C-alpha cells in the first residue's frame, strides 16, 4: 500500500490544544498504519501526544495527514472526520 497524504484545515476556534490533541492521538492509535502530521514544516508522529502538542496547530492552519500502511485510507478518513467534527467542541 503506497504512502498517502491529505491536507485539511483546522476549523475549531481553539485549534489543537490538549483535549483535541488527546482525541487525535486516540484516533490515530486505532490504526496499524504509521501516521504523521505536518504543520508549518514540523512533522510529528500522529500517535504521540507530545508530538501532536508540538504542532501548535491553530484555527485556520493547514494540517497534512500522512499515512503509510494497510489501513492508510481508513486512517486518513477517520482523522479527517474527527477534525471536521471540530473535536465536538462547538
Foldseek 3Di string as FASTA:
>chain_A
DDKDKDKDFQAQQAFDAQLNLVVQLVLLVVDPWFKWKDFPRQIFGSNDSVSSNVNSGHHGTMMMIITDDDCRVVSVVSSNVCSVCSVVPD
